[in-house]
Amino acid sequence: MPTFTALTTLEGRAPAYKLGEAMEGMTPEPTGIGVFEMEDGSGLWEVGGYFEEAPDEASLALLAAAMGAKPFVVSELPETDWVAHVRRELAPVEAGRFFVYGSHDADKVPEGVEPLLIEAAMAFGTGHHGTTLGCLQALDRLATGGFAGANVVDIGCGTAVLAMAAARIWPQNVLASDIDEVAVEVAKANVAANGLTGRVSCVEAAGFGHPDLAAAAPFDLIFANILKGPLIALAPDLAGSLQPGGYAILSGILNEQADEVIGVYAQCGVNLVERESIVDWTTLTLQRNT
């Protein structure tokens, strides 16, 4: 069965979500709607719909005009087993001591690594993206240097791969949070698949806005692999939730955005220790003033 996509971009989170909601009432009805902030620093949001029948392009044009969006681009996708395709494309990833793999590669896990199972159907945050890979490598360097996290949280956890990595090497329980309900369910499934239930607790929260996070603060290590805008907005709360001498590993930052993020966090008393660029993306390791 063919699949049709309809994609557009516009400025602003609220209009983007309003457009996504309006698309849900279309005939034929979309099988799925996605609303995402673009990662290029443009401030634009992408809104997309998936259809099993060709969408009504006149209705799409009216919706785009009403919301101030660009005209929708409609495409027909070939029939593809996407999970099988992802499995072929996503080879295991090594990041320091960590080995991230799908169940289809379970026979490839070498001795002496910290294994992290992420299924191909849950591919966001598998370690292949430069941001996740950079965070895992930064964590490995901290641990190799003698740091041992006693109170760790992963903000915007996605698959919870970073929280699970911390739980693999340190005995204390780790917190993980995400603003998206589906991401939290994916994170919980990954935690269970890795035998870490009870070691990693996943909650739905925006930033540090959850009672469990408030009760556990201050943390000695905070992961935040999100985007530049949310990272900057989060800076005061993150600094306030980080104990003196504690570390923050930040990513989701384009290389050209890194200096701005470093400057904002320095104003909050959280200063650069190390930076690493992988292709277009920078990962920062910061430390709060003692």
C-alpha atoms as a PDB file:
ATOM      1  CA  MET A   1       0.000   0.000   0.000  1.00  0.00           C
ATOM      2  CA  PRO A   2       1.491   3.388  -0.956  1.00  0.00           C
ATOM      3  CA  THR A   3       1.982   6.096   1.628  1.00  0.00           C
ATOM      4  CA  PHE A   4       1.607   9.800   0.937  1.00  0.00           C
ATOM      5  CA  THR A   5       3.303  12.571   2.881  1.00  0.00           C
ATOM      6  CA  ALA A   6       2.390  16.244   3.088  1.00  0.00           C
ATOM      7  CA  LEU A   7       5.046  18.538   4.580  1.00  0.00           C
ATOM      8  CA  THR A   8       5.282  22.243   5.270  1.00  0.00           C
ATOM      9  CA  THR A   9       7.158  24.687   7.506  1.00  0.00           C
ATOM     10  CA  LEU A  10       6.142  27.768   9.458  1.00  0.00           C
ATOM     11  CA  GLU A  11       7.333  29.975  12.291  1.00  0.00           C
ATOM     12  CA  GLY A  12       6.303  29.389  15.886  1.00  0.00           C
ATOM     13  CA  ARG A  13       5.476  26.429  18.084  1.00  0.00           C
ATOM     14  CA  ALA A  14       1.840  27.400  18.756  1.00  0.00           C
ATOM     15  CA  PRO A  15       0.880  27.885  15.078  1.00  0.00           C
ATOM     16  CA  ALA A  16       2.657  24.648  14.171  1.00  0.00           C
ATOM     17  CA  TYR A  17       0.704  22.615  16.712  1.00  0.00           C
ATOM     18  CA  LYS A  18      -2.520  24.370  15.710  1.00  0.00           C
ATOM     19  CA  LEU A  19      -1.901  23.398  12.090  1.00  0.00           C
ATOM     20  CA  GLY A  20      -1.182  19.818  13.115  1.00  0.00           C
ATOM     21  CA  GLU A  21      -4.454  19.659  15.020  1.00  0.00           C
ATOM     22  CA  ALA A  22      -6.345  21.114  12.039  1.00  0.00           C
ATOM     23  CA  MET A  23      -4.909  18.434   9.749  1.00  0.00           C
ATOM     24  CA  GLU A  24      -6.415  15.728  11.963  1.00  0.00           C
ATOM     25  CA  GLY A  25      -9.889  16.739  10.721  1.00  0.00           C
ATOM     26  CA  MET A  26      -9.051  16.278   7.049  1.00  0.00           C
ATOM     27  CA  THR A  27     -10.733  13.817   4.687  1.00  0.00           C
ATOM     28  CA  PRO A  28      -9.108  11.458   3.883  1.00  0.00           C
ATOM     29  CA  GLU A  29      -7.880  11.316   7.462  1.00  0.00           C
ATOM     30  CA  PRO A  30      -4.109  11.202   8.017  1.00  0.00           C
ATOM     31  CA  THR A  31      -2.734   8.101   9.714  1.00  0.00           C
ATOM     32  CA  GLY A  32      -0.222  10.223  11.621  1.00  0.00           C
ATOM     33  CA  ILE A  33       0.791  13.836  12.245  1.00  0.00           C
ATOM     34  CA  GLY A  34       4.239  15.085  13.235  1.00  0.00           C
ATOM     35  CA  VAL A  35       5.207  18.526  14.532  1.00  0.00           C
ATOM     36  CA  PHE A  36       8.935  19.168  15.013  1.00  0.00           C
ATOM     37  CA  GLU A  37      11.221  22.126  15.589  1.00  0.00           C
ATOM     38  CA  MET A  38      13.867  22.107  12.878  1.00  0.00           C
ATOM     39  CA  GLU A  39      17.451  21.575  14.073  1.00  0.00           C
ATOM     40  CA  ASP A  40      19.092  24.137  11.790  1.00  0.00           C
ATOM     41  CA  GLY A  41      18.679  27.121  14.102  1.00  0.00           C
ATOM     42  CA  SER A  42      16.168  28.779  11.740  1.00  0.00           C
ATOM     43  CA  GLY A  43      13.349  28.886  14.294  1.00  0.00           C
ATOM     44  CA  LEU A  44      11.047  27.129  11.810  1.00  0.00           C
ATOM     45  CA  TRP A  45       8.775  24.214  12.662  1.00  0.00           C
ATOM     46  CA  GLU A  46       7.973  21.351  10.307  1.00  0.00           C
ATOM     47  CA  VAL A  47       4.462  19.932  10.174  1.00  0.00           C
ATOM     48  CA  GLY A  48       3.868  16.700   8.327  1.00  0.00           C
ATOM     49  CA  GLY A  49       1.046  14.266   7.730  1.00  0.00           C
ATOM     50  CA  TYR A  50       1.036  10.643   6.556  1.00  0.00           C
ATOM     51  CA  PHE A  51      -1.860   9.370   4.441  1.00  0.00           C
ATOM     52  CA  GLU A  52      -2.877   5.997   3.015  1.00  0.00           C
ATOM     53  CA  GLU A  53      -4.807   7.814   0.280  1.00  0.00           C
ATOM     54  CA  ALA A  54      -3.740  10.869  -1.681  1.00  0.00           C
ATOM     55  CA  PRO A  55      -4.549  13.885   0.517  1.00  0.00           C
ATOM     56  CA  ASP A  56      -6.877  16.660  -0.571  1.00  0.00           C
ATOM     57  CA  GLU A  57      -4.393  19.238  -1.839  1.00  0.00           C
ATOM     58  CA  ALA A  58      -7.015  21.996  -1.950  1.00  0.00           C
ATOM     59  CA  SER A  59      -7.688  21.506   1.766  1.00  0.00           C
ATOM     60  CA  LEU A  60      -3.954  21.513   2.466  1.00  0.00           C
ATOM     61  CA  ALA A  61      -3.549  24.773   0.541  1.00  0.00           C
ATOM     62  CA  LEU A  62      -6.348  26.408   2.554  1.00  0.00           C
ATOM     63  CA  LEU A  63      -4.842  25.245   5.860  1.00  0.00           C
ATOM     64  CA  ALA A  64      -1.377  26.486   4.893  1.00  0.00           C
ATOM     65  CA  ALA A  65      -2.745  29.895   3.890  1.00  0.00           C
ATOM     66  CA  ALA A  66      -4.805  30.192   7.068  1.00  0.00           C
ATOM     67  CA  MET A  67      -1.806  29.410   9.304  1.00  0.00           C
ATOM     68  CA  GLY A  68       0.797  31.401   7.387  1.00  0.00           C
ATOM     69  CA  ALA A  69       2.696  28.278   6.393  1.00  0.00           C
ATOM     70  CA  LYS A  70       4.522  27.544   3.179  1.00  0.00           C
ATOM     71  CA  PRO A  71       2.567  25.506   0.603  1.00  0.00           C
ATOM     72  CA  PHE A  72       2.500  21.804   1.431  1.00  0.00           C
ATOM     73  CA  VAL A  73       4.749  19.502  -0.571  1.00  0.00           C
ATOM     74  CA  VAL A  74       2.923  16.241  -1.245  1.00  0.00           C
ATOM     75  CA  SER A  75       4.906  13.099  -2.118  1.00  0.00           C
ATOM     76  CA  GLU A  76       4.104   9.445  -2.677  1.00  0.00           C
ATOM     77  CA  LEU A  77       6.488   7.086  -0.902  1.00  0.00           C
ATOM     78  CA  PRO A  78       7.345   3.634  -2.243  1.00  0.00           C
ATOM     79  CA  GLU A  79       6.291   0.602  -0.240  1.00  0.00           C
ATOM     80  CA  THR A  80       9.117  -0.047   2.218  1.00  0.00           C
ATOM     81  CA  ASP A  81       9.594  -2.155   5.319  1.00  0.00           C
ATOM     82  CA  TRP A  82      11.075   0.717   7.292  1.00  0.00           C
ATOM     83  CA  VAL A  83      12.091  -1.318  10.325  1.00  0.00           C
ATOM     84  CA  ALA A  84      13.958  -3.758   8.085  1.00  0.00           C
ATOM     85  CA  HIS A  85      15.538  -0.815   6.282  1.00  0.00           C
ATOM     86  CA  VAL A  86      16.654   0.781   9.538  1.00  0.00           C
ATOM     87  CA  ARG A  87      18.068  -2.515  10.725  1.00  0.00           C
ATOM     88  CA  ARG A  88      20.191  -2.739   7.591  1.00  0.00           C
ATOM     89  CA  GLU A  89      21.394   0.847   7.896  1.00  0.00           C
ATOM     90  CA  LEU A  90      22.031   1.067  11.646  1.00  0.00           C
ATOM     91  CA  ALA A  91      25.147  -0.894  12.463  1.00  0.00           C
ATOM     92  CA  PRO A  92      26.193  -1.157  16.130  1.00  0.00           C
ATOM     93  CA  VAL A  93      27.885   1.941  17.547  1.00  0.00           C
ATOM     94  CA  GLU A  94      30.894   1.983  19.853  1.00  0.00           C
ATOM     95  CA  ALA A  95      31.334   5.053  22.064  1.00  0.00           C
ATOM     96  CA  GLY A  96      34.143   4.530  24.521  1.00  0.00           C
ATOM     97  CA  ARG A  97      33.108   1.610  26.738  1.00  0.00           C
ATOM     98  CA  PHE A  98      29.521   1.693  25.466  1.00  0.00           C
ATOM     99  CA  PHE A  99      28.170  -0.530  22.677  1.00  0.00           C
ATOM    100  CA  VAL A 100      24.764   0.464  21.285  1.00  0.00           C
ATOM    101  CA  TYR A 101      23.008  -2.185  19.209  1.00  0.00           C
ATOM    102  CA  GLY A 102      19.661  -3.557  18.040  1.00  0.00           C
ATOM    103  CA  SER A 103      18.422  -7.037  18.856  1.00  0.00           C
ATOM    104  CA  HIS A 104      19.220  -8.083  15.283  1.00  0.00           C
ATOM    105  CA  ASP A 105      22.902  -7.520  16.163  1.00  0.00           C
ATOM    106  CA  ALA A 106      22.851  -9.241  19.565  1.00  0.00           C
ATOM    107  CA  ASP A 107      25.420 -11.747  18.336  1.00  0.00           C
ATOM    108  CA  LYS A 108      27.893  -8.936  17.651  1.00  0.00           C
ATOM    109  CA  VAL A 109      28.201  -7.625  21.216  1.00  0.00           C
ATOM    110  CA  PRO A 110      31.886  -8.009  22.139  1.00  0.00           C
ATOM    111  CA  GLU A 111      33.298  -8.917  25.523  1.00  0.00           C
ATOM    112  CA  GLY A 112      34.241  -6.165  27.943  1.00  0.00           C
ATOM    113  CA  VAL A 113      31.763  -3.487  26.834  1.00  0.00           C
ATOM    114  CA  GLU A 114      28.728  -1.882  28.438  1.00  0.00           C
ATOM    115  CA  PRO A 115      25.885  -3.005  26.123  1.00  0.00           C
ATOM    116  CA  LEU A 116      22.874  -0.790  25.423  1.00  0.00           C
ATOM    117  CA  LEU A 117      20.000  -2.345  23.466  1.00  0.00           C
ATOM    118  CA  ILE A 118      17.912   0.098  21.402  1.00  0.00           C
ATOM    119  CA  GLU A 119      15.469  -1.406  18.932  1.00  0.00           C
ATOM    120  CA  ALA A 120      15.558  -0.241  15.310  1.00  0.00           C
ATOM    121  CA  ALA A 121      11.891   0.759  15.483  1.00  0.00           C
ATOM    122  CA  MET A 122      12.888   3.235  18.218  1.00  0.00           C
ATOM    123  CA  ALA A 123      15.814   4.718  16.325  1.00  0.00           C
ATOM    124  CA  PHE A 124      15.897   8.270  17.718  1.00  0.00           C
ATOM    125  CA  GLY A 125      18.778   8.307  20.148  1.00  0.00           C
ATOM    126  CA  THR A 126      20.536   5.133  19.042  1.00  0.00           C
ATOM    127  CA  GLY A 127      24.020   6.617  19.151  1.00  0.00           C
ATOM    128  CA  HIS A 128      24.333   7.103  15.396  1.00  0.00           C
ATOM    129  CA  HIS A 129      23.557  10.808  15.584  1.00  0.00           C
ATOM    130  CA  GLY A 130      26.529  13.019  16.455  1.00  0.00           C
ATOM    131  CA  THR A 131      24.721  14.435  19.490  1.00  0.00           C
ATOM    132  CA  THR A 132      24.050  11.099  21.206  1.00  0.00           C
ATOM    133  CA  LEU A 133      27.456   9.736  20.253  1.00  0.00           C
ATOM    134  CA  GLY A 134      29.110  12.877  21.640  1.00  0.00           C
ATOM    135  CA  CYS A 135      27.247  12.563  24.948  1.00  0.00           C
ATOM    136  CA  LEU A 136      28.214   8.916  25.361  1.00  0.00           C
ATOM    137  CA  GLN A 137      31.851   9.712  24.638  1.00  0.00           C
ATOM    138  CA  ALA A 138      31.781  12.635  27.096  1.00  0.00           C
ATOM    139  CA  LEU A 139      30.305  10.339  29.767  1.00  0.00           C
ATOM    140  CA  ASP A 140      33.014   7.762  29.104  1.00  0.00           C
ATOM    141  CA  ARG A 141      35.740  10.415  29.490  1.00  0.00           C
ATOM    142  CA  LEU A 142      34.294  11.655  32.792  1.00  0.00           C
ATOM    143  CA  ALA A 143      34.136   8.116  34.169  1.00  0.00           C
ATOM    144  CA  THR A 144      37.641   7.306  32.916  1.00  0.00           C
ATOM    145  CA  GLY A 145      38.885  10.446  34.653  1.00  0.00           C
ATOM    146  CA  GLY A 146      37.599   9.183  37.997  1.00  0.00           C
ATOM    147  CA  PHE A 147      34.197  10.863  38.255  1.00  0.00           C
ATOM    148  CA  ALA A 148      31.438   8.638  39.669  1.00  0.00           C
ATOM    149  CA  GLY A 149      27.894   9.933  39.377  1.00  0.00           C
ATOM    150  CA  ALA A 150      25.851   9.501  42.543  1.00  0.00           C
ATOM    151  CA  ASN A 151      22.778  11.502  41.466  1.00  0.00           C
ATOM    152  CA  VAL A 152      22.214  11.642  37.701  1.00  0.00           C
ATOM    153  CA  VAL A 153      19.352  12.901  35.530  1.00  0.00           C
ATOM    154  CA  ASP A 154      18.759  12.822  31.763  1.00  0.00           C
ATOM    155  CA  ILE A 155      16.574  15.768  30.656  1.00  0.00           C
ATOM    156  CA  GLY A 156      14.850  15.261  27.293  1.00  0.00           C
ATOM    157  CA  CYS A 157      15.820  11.609  27.416  1.00  0.00           C
ATOM    158  CA  GLY A 158      14.335  10.290  24.146  1.00  0.00           C
ATOM    159  CA  THR A 159      15.208   6.583  24.171  1.00  0.00           C
ATOM    160  CA  ALA A 160      16.861   6.986  27.614  1.00  0.00           C
ATOM    161  CA  VAL A 161      20.135   5.728  26.174  1.00  0.00           C
ATOM    162  CA  LEU A 162      22.170   8.252  28.213  1.00  0.00           C
ATOM    163  CA  ALA A 163      20.368   7.478  31.471  1.00  0.00           C
ATOM    164  CA  MET A 164      20.875   3.768  30.838  1.00  0.00           C
ATOM    165  CA  ALA A 165      24.554   4.304  30.097  1.00  0.00           C
ATOM    166  CA  ALA A 166      24.991   6.022  33.469  1.00  0.00           C
ATOM    167  CA  ALA A 167      23.075   3.208  35.197  1.00  0.00           C
ATOM    168  CA  ARG A 168      25.340   0.642  33.562  1.00  0.00           C
ATOM    169  CA  ILE A 169      28.495   2.040  35.172  1.00  0.00           C
ATOM    170  CA  TRP A 170      27.281   3.438  38.509  1.00  0.00           C
ATOM    171  CA  PRO A 171      25.132   1.712  41.154  1.00  0.00           C
ATOM    172  CA  GLN A 172      22.753   4.536  42.036  1.00  0.00           C
ATOM    173  CA  ASN A 173      19.329   4.964  40.442  1.00  0.00           C
ATOM    174  CA  VAL A 174      19.102   7.413  37.509  1.00  0.00           C
ATOM    175  CA  LEU A 175      16.215   9.720  36.607  1.00  0.00           C
ATOM    176  CA  ALA A 176      15.122  10.352  33.016  1.00  0.00           C
ATOM    177  CA  SER A 177      12.494  12.797  31.794  1.00  0.00           C
ATOM    178  CA  ASP A 178      10.971  13.881  28.502  1.00  0.00           C
ATOM    179  CA  ILE A 179       8.288  16.371  27.566  1.00  0.00           C
ATOM    180  CA  ASP A 180       6.743  13.877  25.134  1.00  0.00           C
ATOM    181  CA  GLU A 181       4.467  11.143  26.491  1.00  0.00           C
ATOM    182  CA  VAL A 182       5.372   8.723  23.670  1.00  0.00           C
ATOM    183  CA  ALA A 183       9.094   9.239  24.299  1.00  0.00           C
ATOM    184  CA  VAL A 184       8.584   8.382  27.966  1.00  0.00           C
ATOM    185  CA  GLU A 185       6.844   5.120  27.024  1.00  0.00           C
ATOM    186  CA  VAL A 186       9.657   4.295  24.585  1.00  0.00           C
ATOM    187  CA  ALA A 187      12.195   5.066  27.307  1.00  0.00           C
ATOM    188  CA  LYS A 188      10.427   2.748  29.769  1.00  0.00           C
ATOM    189  CA  ALA A 189      10.366  -0.043  27.180  1.00  0.00           C
ATOM    190  CA  ASN A 190      14.089   0.370  26.544  1.00  0.00           C
ATOM    191  CA  VAL A 191      14.840   0.374  30.259  1.00  0.00           C
ATOM    192  CA  ALA A 192      12.952  -2.907  30.656  1.00  0.00           C
ATOM    193  CA  ALA A 193      14.644  -4.454  27.599  1.00  0.00           C
ATOM    194  CA  ASN A 194      18.033  -3.648  29.129  1.00  0.00           C
ATOM    195  CA  GLY A 195      17.186  -5.172  32.501  1.00  0.00           C
ATOM    196  CA  LEU A 196      17.340  -1.781  34.208  1.00  0.00           C
ATOM    197  CA  THR A 197      13.809  -1.550  35.597  1.00  0.00           C
ATOM    198  CA  GLY A 198      14.107  -0.055  39.068  1.00  0.00           C
ATOM    199  CA  ARG A 199      17.471   1.464  38.171  1.00  0.00           C
ATOM    200  CA  VAL A 200      16.214   4.102  35.702  1.00  0.00           C
ATOM    201  CA  SER A 201      12.992   5.971  36.482  1.00  0.00           C
ATOM    202  CA  CYS A 202      11.265   7.738  33.559  1.00  0.00           C
ATOM    203  CA  VAL A 203       8.840  10.628  34.043  1.00  0.00           C
ATOM    204  CA  GLU A 204       7.001  13.044  31.765  1.00  0.00           C
ATOM    205  CA  ALA A 205       8.156  16.593  32.443  1.00  0.00           C
ATOM    206  CA  ALA A 206       9.093  19.876  30.794  1.00  0.00           C
ATOM    207  CA  GLY A 207      12.608  20.702  31.925  1.00  0.00           C
ATOM    208  CA  PHE A 208      12.906  20.180  35.667  1.00  0.00           C
ATOM    209  CA  GLY A 209       9.164  20.609  36.218  1.00  0.00           C
ATOM    210  CA  HIS A 210       8.335  17.369  38.023  1.00  0.00           C
ATOM    211  CA  PRO A 211       8.122  16.669  41.774  1.00  0.00           C
ATOM    212  CA  ASP A 212      10.500  13.692  41.466  1.00  0.00           C
ATOM    213  CA  LEU A 213      13.154  15.889  39.869  1.00  0.00           C
ATOM    214  CA  ALA A 214      12.702  18.641  42.451  1.00  0.00           C
ATOM    215  CA  ALA A 215      12.982  16.127  45.292  1.00  0.00           C
ATOM    216  CA  ALA A 216      16.159  14.569  43.876  1.00  0.00           C
ATOM    217  CA  ALA A 217      18.027  17.826  43.147  1.00  0.00           C
ATOM    218  CA  PRO A 218      20.767  18.928  43.278  1.00  0.00           C
ATOM    219  CA  PHE A 219      22.337  16.512  40.806  1.00  0.00           C
ATOM    220  CA  ASP A 220      26.020  15.830  40.285  1.00  0.00           C
ATOM    221  CA  LEU A 221      25.531  15.029  36.583  1.00  0.00           C
ATOM    222  CA  ILE A 222      22.868  16.353  34.228  1.00  0.00           C
ATOM    223  CA  PHE A 223      22.456  15.281  30.602  1.00  0.00           C
ATOM    224  CA  ALA A 224      20.484  17.558  28.275  1.00  0.00           C
ATOM    225  CA  ASN A 225      20.651  16.474  24.644  1.00  0.00           C
ATOM    226  CA  ILE A 226      17.953  18.727  23.203  1.00  0.00           C
ATOM    227  CA  LEU A 227      18.368  21.877  21.036  1.00  0.00           C
ATOM    228  CA  LYS A 228      20.020  25.275  21.412  1.00  0.00           C
ATOM    229  CA  GLY A 229      16.845  27.224  22.173  1.00  0.00           C
ATOM    230  CA  PRO A 230      15.576  24.936  24.942  1.00  0.00           C
ATOM    231  CA  LEU A 231      19.104  24.600  26.348  1.00  0.00           C
ATOM    232  CA  ILE A 232      19.431  28.361  26.671  1.00  0.00           C
ATOM    233  CA  ALA A 233      15.964  28.664  28.234  1.00  0.00           C
ATOM    234  CA  LEU A 234      16.867  25.850  30.634  1.00  0.00           C
ATOM    235  CA  ALA A 235      20.181  27.375  31.772  1.00  0.00           C
ATOM    236  CA  PRO A 236      19.016  29.037  35.040  1.00  0.00           C
ATOM    237  CA  ASP A 237      17.021  25.981  36.146  1.00  0.00           C
ATOM    238  CA  LEU A 238      19.812  23.599  35.186  1.00  0.00           C
ATOM    239  CA  ALA A 239      22.390  25.642  37.081  1.00  0.00           C
ATOM    240  CA  GLY A 240      20.099  25.733  40.115  1.00  0.00           C
ATOM    241  CA  SER A 241      19.624  21.963  39.935  1.00  0.00           C
ATOM    242  CA  LEU A 242      23.341  21.190  39.650  1.00  0.00           C
ATOM    243  CA  GLN A 243      25.377  20.828  42.814  1.00  0.00           C
ATOM    244  CA  PRO A 244      28.627  22.819  43.165  1.00  0.00           C
ATOM    245  CA  GLY A 245      31.351  20.976  41.279  1.00  0.00           C
ATOM    246  CA  GLY A 246      28.744  18.928  39.389  1.00  0.00           C
ATOM    247  CA  TYR A 247      28.886  18.334  35.641  1.00  0.00           C
ATOM    248  CA  ALA A 248      26.480  18.940  32.765  1.00  0.00           C
ATOM    249  CA  ILE A 249      26.770  17.219  29.392  1.00  0.00           C
ATOM    250  CA  LEU A 250      24.868  19.217  26.774  1.00  0.00           C
ATOM    251  CA  SER A 251      24.243  18.529  23.103  1.00  0.00           C
ATOM    252  CA  GLY A 252      21.793  19.114  20.276  1.00  0.00           C
ATOM    253  CA  ILE A 253      23.969  22.133  19.455  1.00  0.00           C
ATOM    254  CA  LEU A 254      25.114  23.001  15.954  1.00  0.00           C
ATOM    255  CA  ASN A 255      28.815  23.833  15.832  1.00  0.00           C
ATOM    256  CA  GLU A 256      28.175  27.506  15.129  1.00  0.00           C
ATOM    257  CA  GLN A 257      25.801  27.732  18.132  1.00  0.00           C
ATOM    258  CA  ALA A 258      28.214  26.371  20.708  1.00  0.00           C
ATOM    259  CA  ASP A 259      29.859  29.662  21.732  1.00  0.00           C
ATOM    260  CA  GLU A 260      26.465  31.227  22.482  1.00  0.00           C
ATOM    261  CA  VAL A 261      25.423  28.292  24.670  1.00  0.00           C
ATOM    262  CA  ILE A 262      28.783  28.353  26.477  1.00  0.00           C
ATOM    263  CA  GLY A 263      28.363  32.081  27.169  1.00  0.00           C
ATOM    264  CA  VAL A 264      24.833  31.737  28.558  1.00  0.00           C
ATOM    265  CA  TYR A 265      25.843  28.926  30.910  1.00  0.00           C
ATOM    266  CA  ALA A 266      28.961  30.783  32.045  1.00  0.00           C
ATOM    267  CA  GLN A 267      26.704  33.644  33.172  1.00  0.00           C
ATOM    268  CA  CYS A 268      24.894  31.076  35.340  1.00  0.00           C
ATOM    269  CA  GLY A 269      28.143  29.840  36.896  1.00  0.00           C
ATOM    270  CA  VAL A 270      28.426  26.670  34.798  1.00  0.00           C
ATOM    271  CA  ASN A 271      31.659  26.762  32.820  1.00  0.00           C
ATOM    272  CA  LEU A 272      33.178  24.889  29.911  1.00  0.00           C
ATOM    273  CA  VAL A 273      35.429  21.915  30.651  1.00  0.00           C
ATOM    274  CA  GLU A 274      35.530  20.291  27.218  1.00  0.00           C
ATOM    275  CA  ARG A 275      33.894  20.517  23.808  1.00  0.00           C
ATOM    276  CA  GLU A 276      33.770  17.975  21.007  1.00  0.00           C
ATOM    277  CA  SER A 277      32.436  18.357  17.481  1.00  0.00           C
ATOM    278  CA  ILE A 278      31.162  15.384  15.481  1.00  0.00           C
ATOM    279  CA  VAL A 279      30.293  16.423  11.922  1.00  0.00           C
ATOM    280  CA  ASP A 280      27.819  19.345  12.371  1.00  0.00           C
ATOM    281  CA  TRP A 281      27.171  18.895  16.084  1.00  0.00           C
ATOM    282  CA  THR A 282      28.957  19.976  19.267  1.00  0.00           C
ATOM    283  CA  THR A 283      28.774  18.324  22.679  1.00  0.00           C
ATOM    284  CA  LEU A 284      29.746  20.385  25.727  1.00  0.00           C
ATOM    285  CA  THR A 285      30.949  19.171  29.108  1.00  0.00           C
ATOM    286  CA  LEU A 286      30.455  21.927  31.693  1.00  0.00           C
ATOM    287  CA  GLN A 287      31.052  22.180  35.440  1.00  0.00           C
ATOM    288  CA  ARG A 288      29.336  24.351  38.027  1.00  0.00           C
ATOM    289  CA  ASN A 289      31.526  26.621  40.111  1.00  0.00           C
ATOM    290  CA  THR A 290      32.391  25.206  43.518  1.00  0.00           C
END
